[in-house]
C-alpha atoms as a PDB file:
ATOM      1  CA  MET A   1      86.634 -83.058  67.165  1.00  0.00           C
ATOM      2  CA  ILE A   2      86.002 -79.480  69.033  1.00  0.00           C
ATOM      3  CA  PHE A   3      82.923 -80.705  71.012  1.00  0.00           C
ATOM      4  CA  GLU A   4      83.625 -84.509  71.322  1.00  0.00           C
ATOM      5  CA  ASN A   5      83.802 -84.534  75.232  1.00  0.00           C
ATOM      6  CA  LEU A   6      80.796 -82.332  75.637  1.00  0.00           C
ATOM      7  CA  THR A   7      77.004 -83.427  76.334  1.00  0.00           C
ATOM      8  CA  ILE A   8      73.913 -80.839  75.938  1.00  0.00           C
ATOM      9  CA  VAL A   9      71.065 -81.970  78.176  1.00  0.00           C
ATOM     10  CA  THR A  10      67.841 -80.535  76.897  1.00  0.00           C
ATOM     11  CA  ILE A  11      64.266 -81.492  78.483  1.00  0.00           C
ATOM     12  CA  GLY A  12      61.067 -80.562  76.799  1.00  0.00           C
ATOM     13  CA  LYS A  13      57.274 -81.711  76.744  1.00  0.00           C
ATOM     14  CA  SER A  14      56.789 -82.968  73.154  1.00  0.00           C
ATOM     15  CA  ASP A  15      58.562 -82.926  69.926  1.00  0.00           C
ATOM     16  CA  ASP A  16      57.377 -79.225  68.921  1.00  0.00           C
ATOM     17  CA  VAL A  17      58.506 -76.019  67.284  1.00  0.00           C
ATOM     18  CA  ASP A  18      60.646 -75.136  70.310  1.00  0.00           C
ATOM     19  CA  LEU A  19      62.513 -78.334  70.040  1.00  0.00           C
ATOM     20  CA  LEU A  20      63.149 -77.716  66.761  1.00  0.00           C
ATOM     21  CA  ASN A  21      64.445 -74.352  67.594  1.00  0.00           C
ATOM     22  CA  THR A  22      66.858 -75.874  69.975  1.00  0.00           C
ATOM     23  CA  TYR A  23      68.015 -78.231  67.710  1.00  0.00           C
ATOM     24  CA  ASN A  24      68.758 -76.210  64.841  1.00  0.00           C
ATOM     25  CA  SER A  25      70.701 -73.807  67.252  1.00  0.00           C
ATOM     26  CA  ILE A  26      72.996 -76.630  68.419  1.00  0.00           C
ATOM     27  CA  LEU A  27      73.305 -78.438  65.313  1.00  0.00           C
ATOM     28  CA  PRO A  28      76.832 -76.863  64.388  1.00  0.00           C
ATOM     29  CA  VAL A  29      78.042 -78.180  68.121  1.00  0.00           C
ATOM     30  CA  LEU A  30      76.486 -81.718  66.985  1.00  0.00           C
ATOM     31  CA  ASN A  31      78.107 -81.830  63.795  1.00  0.00           C
ATOM     32  CA  LEU A  32      81.590 -81.099  65.586  1.00  0.00           C
ATOM     33  CA  GLY A  33      81.489 -84.004  67.926  1.00  0.00           C
ATOM     34  CA  ALA A  34      78.809 -83.013  70.829  1.00  0.00           C
ATOM     35  CA  LYS A  35      76.270 -85.514  72.293  1.00  0.00           C
ATOM     36  CA  TRP A  36      72.774 -84.702  72.804  1.00  0.00           C
ATOM     37  CA  ILE A  37      70.552 -86.135  75.816  1.00  0.00           C
ATOM     38  CA  LEU A  38      66.879 -85.384  75.405  1.00  0.00           C
ATOM     39  CA  VAL A  39      64.383 -86.006  78.273  1.00  0.00           C
ATOM     40  CA  ILE A  40      60.977 -85.639  76.747  1.00  0.00           C
ATOM     41  CA  LYS A  41      57.729 -85.684  78.612  1.00  0.00           C
ATOM     42  CA  GLN A  42      55.629 -86.925  75.635  1.00  0.00           C
ATOM     43  CA  GLY A  43      56.353 -89.176  72.536  1.00  0.00           C
ATOM     44  CA  ASP A  44      58.628 -91.935  71.719  1.00  0.00           C
ATOM     45  CA  ILE A  45      61.494 -90.233  69.615  1.00  0.00           C
ATOM     46  CA  THR A  46      64.439 -92.348  69.012  1.00  0.00           C
ATOM     47  CA  GLU A  47      65.898 -90.343  66.000  1.00  0.00           C
ATOM     48  CA  TYR A  48      65.554 -86.670  65.715  1.00  0.00           C
ATOM     49  CA  LYS A  49      66.193 -85.217  62.166  1.00  0.00           C
ATOM     50  CA  GLY A  50      68.841 -87.697  61.343  1.00  0.00           C
ATOM     51  CA  ILE A  51      70.970 -86.923  64.652  1.00  0.00           C
ATOM     52  CA  TYR A  52      71.041 -89.955  67.040  1.00  0.00           C
ATOM     53  CA  LEU A  53      69.802 -89.160  70.440  1.00  0.00           C
ATOM     54  CA  LYS A  54      70.176 -90.880  73.720  1.00  0.00           C
ATOM     55  CA  ILE A  55      66.902 -90.801  74.587  1.00  0.00           C
ATOM     56  CA  ILE A  56      65.186 -90.998  78.389  1.00  0.00           C
ATOM     57  CA  GLY A  57      61.704 -92.105  78.940  1.00  0.00           C
ATOM     58  CA  GLN A  58      58.898 -89.900  80.475  1.00  0.00           C
ATOM     59  CA  ASP A  59      60.161 -88.128  83.578  1.00  0.00           C
ATOM     60  CA  SER A  60      57.800 -86.992  86.383  1.00  0.00           C
ATOM     61  CA  GLY A  61      58.696 -83.161  86.356  1.00  0.00           C
ATOM     62  CA  LEU A  62      61.236 -80.282  85.406  1.00  0.00           C
ATOM     63  CA  TYR A  63      63.805 -81.353  88.129  1.00  0.00           C
ATOM     64  CA  ASN A  64      63.128 -85.278  87.856  1.00  0.00           C
ATOM     65  CA  ALA A  65      63.954 -84.697  83.965  1.00  0.00           C
ATOM     66  CA  LEU A  66      67.201 -82.363  84.668  1.00  0.00           C
ATOM     67  CA  ASN A  67      68.374 -85.214  87.228  1.00  0.00           C
ATOM     68  CA  LEU A  68      67.800 -88.291  84.680  1.00  0.00           C
ATOM     69  CA  GLY A  69      69.754 -86.376  82.067  1.00  0.00           C
ATOM     70  CA  MET A  70      72.472 -85.535  84.374  1.00  0.00           C
ATOM     71  CA  GLU A  71      72.671 -88.994  85.536  1.00  0.00           C
ATOM     72  CA  ALA A  72      73.135 -90.173  81.839  1.00  0.00           C
ATOM     73  CA  VAL A  73      75.991 -87.852  80.687  1.00  0.00           C
ATOM     74  CA  ASP A  74      78.885 -89.902  80.065  1.00  0.00           C
ATOM     75  CA  THR A  75      81.393 -87.322  78.633  1.00  0.00           C
ATOM     76  CA  GLY A  76      83.408 -84.892  80.583  1.00  0.00           C
ATOM     77  CA  PHE A  77      81.723 -81.934  80.325  1.00  0.00           C
ATOM     78  CA  PHE A  78      78.079 -80.980  80.179  1.00  0.00           C
ATOM     79  CA  MET A  79      75.452 -78.248  80.106  1.00  0.00           C
ATOM     80  CA  PHE A  80      71.950 -77.832  80.197  1.00  0.00           C
ATOM     81  CA  LEU A  81      69.829 -76.308  77.326  1.00  0.00           C
ATOM     82  CA  HIS A  82      66.048 -76.392  77.787  1.00  0.00           C
ATOM     83  CA  SER A  83      63.575 -76.820  74.820  1.00  0.00           C
ATOM     84  CA  GLY A  84      63.126 -73.384  73.176  1.00  0.00           C
ATOM     85  CA  ASP A  85      66.363 -71.961  74.163  1.00  0.00           C
ATOM     86  CA  ARG A  86      69.188 -71.808  71.917  1.00  0.00           C
ATOM     87  CA  ILE A  87      72.690 -71.344  71.355  1.00  0.00           C
ATOM     88  CA  PHE A  88      73.340 -68.029  69.355  1.00  0.00           C
ATOM     89  CA  ASN A  89      76.951 -67.451  69.629  1.00  0.00           C
ATOM     90  CA  ILE A  90      78.995 -70.665  68.367  1.00  0.00           C
ATOM     91  CA  ASP A  91      82.357 -68.719  68.658  1.00  0.00           C
ATOM     92  CA  GLY A  92      81.803 -67.361  72.195  1.00  0.00           C
ATOM     93  CA  PHE A  93      80.379 -70.900  73.502  1.00  0.00           C
ATOM     94  CA  THR A  94      83.534 -72.461  71.775  1.00  0.00           C
ATOM     95  CA  SER A  95      85.848 -69.832  73.465  1.00  0.00           C
ATOM     96  CA  SER A  96      83.968 -70.426  76.695  1.00  0.00           C
ATOM     97  CA  LEU A  97      84.402 -74.450  76.737  1.00  0.00           C
ATOM     98  CA  ASP A  98      88.111 -73.621  76.014  1.00  0.00           C
ATOM     99  CA  LEU A  99      88.378 -71.791  79.257  1.00  0.00           C
ATOM    100  CA  LEU A 100      87.090 -74.743  81.293  1.00  0.00           C
ATOM    101  CA  LYS A 101      89.133 -77.205  79.406  1.00  0.00           C
ATOM    102  CA  ASN A 102      92.524 -75.092  79.810  1.00  0.00           C
ATOM    103  CA  ASN A 103      91.917 -74.351  83.707  1.00  0.00           C
ATOM    104  CA  SER A 104      91.216 -76.494  86.797  1.00  0.00           C
ATOM    105  CA  VAL A 105      88.068 -75.663  87.627  1.00  0.00           C
ATOM    106  CA  GLY A 106      84.717 -77.064  88.160  1.00  0.00           C
ATOM    107  CA  CYS A 107      82.511 -74.762  85.643  1.00  0.00           C
ATOM    108  CA  VAL A 108      82.729 -71.795  83.365  1.00  0.00           C
ATOM    109  CA  LEU A 109      79.823 -69.029  83.771  1.00  0.00           C
ATOM    110  CA  GLY A 110      78.821 -67.450  80.546  1.00  0.00           C
ATOM    111  CA  GLY A 111      76.139 -65.035  79.706  1.00  0.00           C
ATOM    112  CA  ALA A 112      72.573 -65.078  78.543  1.00  0.00           C
ATOM    113  CA  GLU A 113      69.962 -62.989  76.583  1.00  0.00           C
ATOM    114  CA  ILE A 114      66.342 -62.789  77.590  1.00  0.00           C
ATOM    115  CA  ASP A 115      64.321 -60.696  74.977  1.00  0.00           C
ATOM    116  CA  LEU A 116      66.098 -57.389  75.334  1.00  0.00           C
ATOM    117  CA  ARG A 117      67.579 -58.177  78.519  1.00  0.00           C
ATOM    118  CA  LYS A 118      71.118 -59.232  79.353  1.00  0.00           C
ATOM    119  CA  HIS A 119      72.259 -61.568  81.902  1.00  0.00           C
ATOM    120  CA  HIS A 120      75.866 -61.497  82.439  1.00  0.00           C
ATOM    121  CA  SER A 121      77.654 -63.310  85.221  1.00  0.00           C
ATOM    122  CA  TYR A 122      81.281 -61.724  85.247  1.00  0.00           C
ATOM    123  CA  SER A 123      80.137 -59.416  88.278  1.00  0.00           C
ATOM    124  CA  TRP A 124      78.625 -62.413  90.241  1.00  0.00           C
ATOM    125  CA  LYS A 125      80.188 -63.831  93.093  1.00  0.00           C
ATOM    126  CA  PRO A 126      79.350 -66.928  95.177  1.00  0.00           C
ATOM    127  CA  TYR A 127      78.334 -64.939  98.319  1.00  0.00           C
ATOM    128  CA  MET A 128      75.264 -63.526  96.553  1.00  0.00           C
ATOM    129  CA  LEU A 129      73.533 -67.108  96.785  1.00  0.00           C
ATOM    130  CA  LYS A 130      73.253 -66.000 100.252  1.00  0.00           C
ATOM    131  CA  PHE A 131      70.631 -63.453  99.105  1.00  0.00           C
ATOM    132  CA  TYR A 132      69.196 -65.764  96.476  1.00  0.00           C
ATOM    133  CA  VAL A 133      70.980 -64.269  93.633  1.00  0.00           C
ATOM    134  CA  GLN A 134      72.626 -66.830  91.435  1.00  0.00           C
ATOM    135  CA  PRO A 135      74.219 -66.710  88.237  1.00  0.00           C
ATOM    136  CA  PRO A 136      72.660 -67.514  84.745  1.00  0.00           C
ATOM    137  CA  HIS A 137      72.458 -71.039  85.050  1.00  0.00           C
ATOM    138  CA  LEU A 138      71.919 -72.285  81.517  1.00  0.00           C
ATOM    139  CA  PRO A 139      75.097 -70.768  80.572  1.00  0.00           C
ATOM    140  CA  ILE A 140      77.023 -72.686  82.664  1.00  0.00           C
ATOM    141  CA  ILE A 141      79.215 -75.487  81.396  1.00  0.00           C
ATOM    142  CA  TYR A 142      80.023 -77.935  84.166  1.00  0.00           C
ATOM    143  CA  ARG A 143      83.008 -80.337  84.280  1.00  0.00           C
ATOM    144  CA  THR A 144      81.056 -83.429  84.953  1.00  0.00           C
ATOM    145  CA  SER A 145      82.954 -84.938  87.885  1.00  0.00           C
ATOM    146  CA  SER A 146      82.206 -81.499  89.605  1.00  0.00           C
ATOM    147  CA  VAL A 147      78.668 -82.616  90.191  1.00  0.00           C
ATOM    148  CA  GLN A 148      78.851 -86.306  91.400  1.00  0.00           C
ATOM    149  CA  LYS A 149      77.520 -85.382  94.527  1.00  0.00           C
ATOM    150  CA  LEU A 150      74.527 -83.322  93.743  1.00  0.00           C
ATOM    151  CA  LYS A 151      71.205 -83.602  92.667  1.00  0.00           C
ATOM    152  CA  PHE A 152      68.262 -81.078  91.967  1.00  0.00           C
ATOM    153  CA  ASP A 153      65.731 -81.422  94.768  1.00  0.00           C
ATOM    154  CA  GLU A 154      62.550 -82.634  93.118  1.00  0.00           C
ATOM    155  CA  SER A 155      60.415 -81.826  95.965  1.00  0.00           C
ATOM    156  CA  VAL A 156      61.239 -77.814  95.315  1.00  0.00           C
ATOM    157  CA  LYS A 157      59.083 -76.037  92.729  1.00  0.00           C
ATOM    158  CA  ILE A 158      60.529 -73.114  90.113  1.00  0.00           C
ATOM    159  CA  VAL A 159      63.809 -72.506  92.207  1.00  0.00           C
ATOM    160  CA  SER A 160      65.693 -76.031  92.602  1.00  0.00           C
ATOM    161  CA  ASP A 161      68.330 -74.779  90.369  1.00  0.00           C
ATOM    162  CA  TYR A 162      68.986 -72.202  92.943  1.00  0.00           C
ATOM    163  CA  TYR A 163      69.415 -74.740  95.781  1.00  0.00           C
ATOM    164  CA  PHE A 164      71.581 -76.746  93.280  1.00  0.00           C
ATOM    165  CA  LEU A 165      73.673 -73.822  92.677  1.00  0.00           C
ATOM    166  CA  TYR A 166      73.879 -73.133  96.232  1.00  0.00           C
ATOM    167  CA  SER A 167      75.232 -76.742  97.112  1.00  0.00           C
ATOM    168  CA  TYR A 168      77.565 -76.358  94.232  1.00  0.00           C
ATOM    169  CA  PHE A 169      79.348 -73.661  95.161  1.00  0.00           C
ATOM    170  CA  ILE A 170      78.529 -72.998  99.129  1.00  0.00           C
ATOM    171  CA  GLU A 171      78.804 -76.499 100.157  1.00  0.00           C
ATOM    172  CA  GLU A 172      80.780 -78.089  97.891  1.00  0.00           C
ATOM    173  CA  LYS A 173      83.154 -75.103  96.935  1.00  0.00           C
ATOM    174  CA  ASN A 174      83.710 -75.731  93.543  1.00  0.00           C
ATOM    175  CA  SER A 175      85.714 -73.044  91.713  1.00  0.00           C
ATOM    176  CA  TYR A 176      84.745 -71.164  88.655  1.00  0.00           C
ATOM    177  CA  ILE A 177      86.014 -69.219  85.804  1.00  0.00           C
ATOM    178  CA  GLN A 178      83.975 -66.300  84.197  1.00  0.00           C
ATOM    179  CA  SER A 179      83.408 -66.002  80.508  1.00  0.00           C
ATOM    180  CA  SER A 180      82.810 -62.485  78.915  1.00  0.00           C
ATOM    181  CA  GLN A 181      80.862 -63.993  76.412  1.00  0.00           C
ATOM    182  CA  SER A 182      76.935 -64.442  75.731  1.00  0.00           C
ATOM    183  CA  TYR A 183      75.919 -67.498  74.175  1.00  0.00           C
ATOM    184  CA  ILE A 184      72.599 -68.511  75.271  1.00  0.00           C
ATOM    185  CA  ARG A 185      69.259 -66.976  74.274  1.00  0.00           C
ATOM    186  CA  MET A 186      66.317 -67.889  76.259  1.00  0.00           C
ATOM    187  CA  ASN A 187      62.684 -68.049  75.508  1.00  0.00           C
ATOM    188  CA  LEU A 188      60.754 -65.309  77.064  1.00  0.00           C
ATOM    189  CA  GLY A 189      57.755 -66.500  79.507  1.00  0.00           C
ATOM    190  CA  GLY A 190      59.108 -69.130  81.638  1.00  0.00           C
ATOM    191  CA  ALA A 191      58.517 -69.005  85.317  1.00  0.00           C
ATOM    192  CA  THR A 192      61.619 -67.191  86.029  1.00  0.00           C
ATOM    193  CA  THR A 193      61.861 -65.137  82.864  1.00  0.00           C
ATOM    194  CA  SER A 194      58.919 -63.050  82.804  1.00  0.00           C
ATOM    195  CA  GLY A 195      59.933 -59.830  84.309  1.00  0.00           C
ATOM    196  CA  LEU A 196      58.758 -58.437  87.625  1.00  0.00           C
ATOM    197  CA  SER A 197      55.818 -60.945  87.686  1.00  0.00           C
ATOM    198  CA  SER A 198      58.913 -63.532  88.153  1.00  0.00           C
ATOM    199  CA  ILE A 199      60.339 -61.638  90.999  1.00  0.00           C
ATOM    200  CA  PHE A 200      57.061 -62.254  93.104  1.00  0.00           C
ATOM    201  CA  ARG A 201      56.436 -65.620  92.011  1.00  0.00           C
ATOM    202  CA  VAL A 202      60.323 -66.828  92.653  1.00  0.00           C
ATOM    203  CA  THR A 203      59.996 -65.028  96.110  1.00  0.00           C
ATOM    204  CA  ARG A 204      57.163 -66.983  96.985  1.00  0.00           C
ATOM    205  CA  SER A 205      58.768 -70.424  95.968  1.00  0.00           C
ATOM    206  CA  PHE A 206      62.068 -69.161  98.317  1.00  0.00           C
ATOM    207  CA  TYR A 207      59.358 -68.619 100.983  1.00  0.00           C
ATOM    208  CA  GLN A 208      57.635 -72.112 100.772  1.00  0.00           C
ATOM    209  CA  LYS A 209      61.545 -73.586 101.529  1.00  0.00           C
ATOM    210  CA  ASP A 210      63.124 -71.154 103.657  1.00  0.00           C
ATOM    211  CA  GLY A 211      60.269 -69.245 105.420  1.00  0.00           C
ATOM    212  CA  ILE A 212      59.782 -65.269 106.112  1.00  0.00           C
ATOM    213  CA  ILE A 213      63.705 -64.753 105.723  1.00  0.00           C
ATOM    214  CA  ALA A 214      62.962 -64.947 101.697  1.00  0.00           C
ATOM    215  CA  TYR A 215      60.830 -61.898 101.936  1.00  0.00           C
ATOM    216  CA  LEU A 216      63.303 -60.081 104.556  1.00  0.00           C
ATOM    217  CA  LYS A 217      66.024 -60.549 101.840  1.00  0.00           C
ATOM    218  CA  LEU A 218      63.929 -59.465  98.873  1.00  0.00           C
ATOM    219  CA  PRO A 219      65.235 -55.697  99.135  1.00  0.00           C
ATOM    220  CA  PHE A 220      68.996 -56.961  99.020  1.00  0.00           C
ATOM    221  CA  ARG A 221      68.520 -59.551  96.512  1.00  0.00           C
ATOM    222  CA  LEU A 222      66.645 -56.772  93.951  1.00  0.00           C
ATOM    223  CA  PHE A 223      69.750 -54.089  94.832  1.00  0.00           C
ATOM    224  CA  ILE A 224      72.413 -56.933  93.925  1.00  0.00           C
ATOM    225  CA  LYS A 225      70.676 -58.069  90.835  1.00  0.00           C
ATOM    226  CA  ILE A 226      70.616 -54.309  89.688  1.00  0.00           C
ATOM    227  CA  LEU A 227      74.142 -53.787  90.828  1.00  0.00           C
ATOM    228  CA  ILE A 228      75.320 -56.624  88.817  1.00  0.00           C
ATOM    229  CA  GLN A 229      73.609 -56.247  85.541  1.00  0.00           C
END
């Protein structure tokens, strides 16, 4: 089947409306062979809406949950999709996965929508990570072998995904291919999806990890983000 070598890793706090929305959006993908790993904070779920899940027990935080989910992947390709976020463009998602399958690269970069904002990746370049500008991380579909040496730093709050991608692209020098497709719709209101307030919250988190350089690079970060979006 089309998606039989793909795993979707979802993390969530509980079995709620957000999880149901995510499930409904990925059901066509599950029906075509994909696996679904769920790391859930509360509850003891062994089956969800008739679809067998690989359940991982309660976690100790966001990035611990992502590490637990990533470690459990046993397919050639995988992606992260948080509870509440959805796949809305199945055709675009399928064509992006095909790009990864047909090219010898570590991942494919796609696009996401957050409320009325569109966050594309086709103008993003790895050097931008040096100014704290990362590609939209949820539309990334990974070749599982490309992350074998990597984990999320569980001591970092909010922005550990940035440091994960910095290691992935800059230190490990993984190759990538860019898709013109947007296929993820993200919930508004997350720590990094709340507009202007997110910018200062995220910058403060970079400061706690890297010091004053995080604020010195902020104008360049904002300029690049405006330029590529």
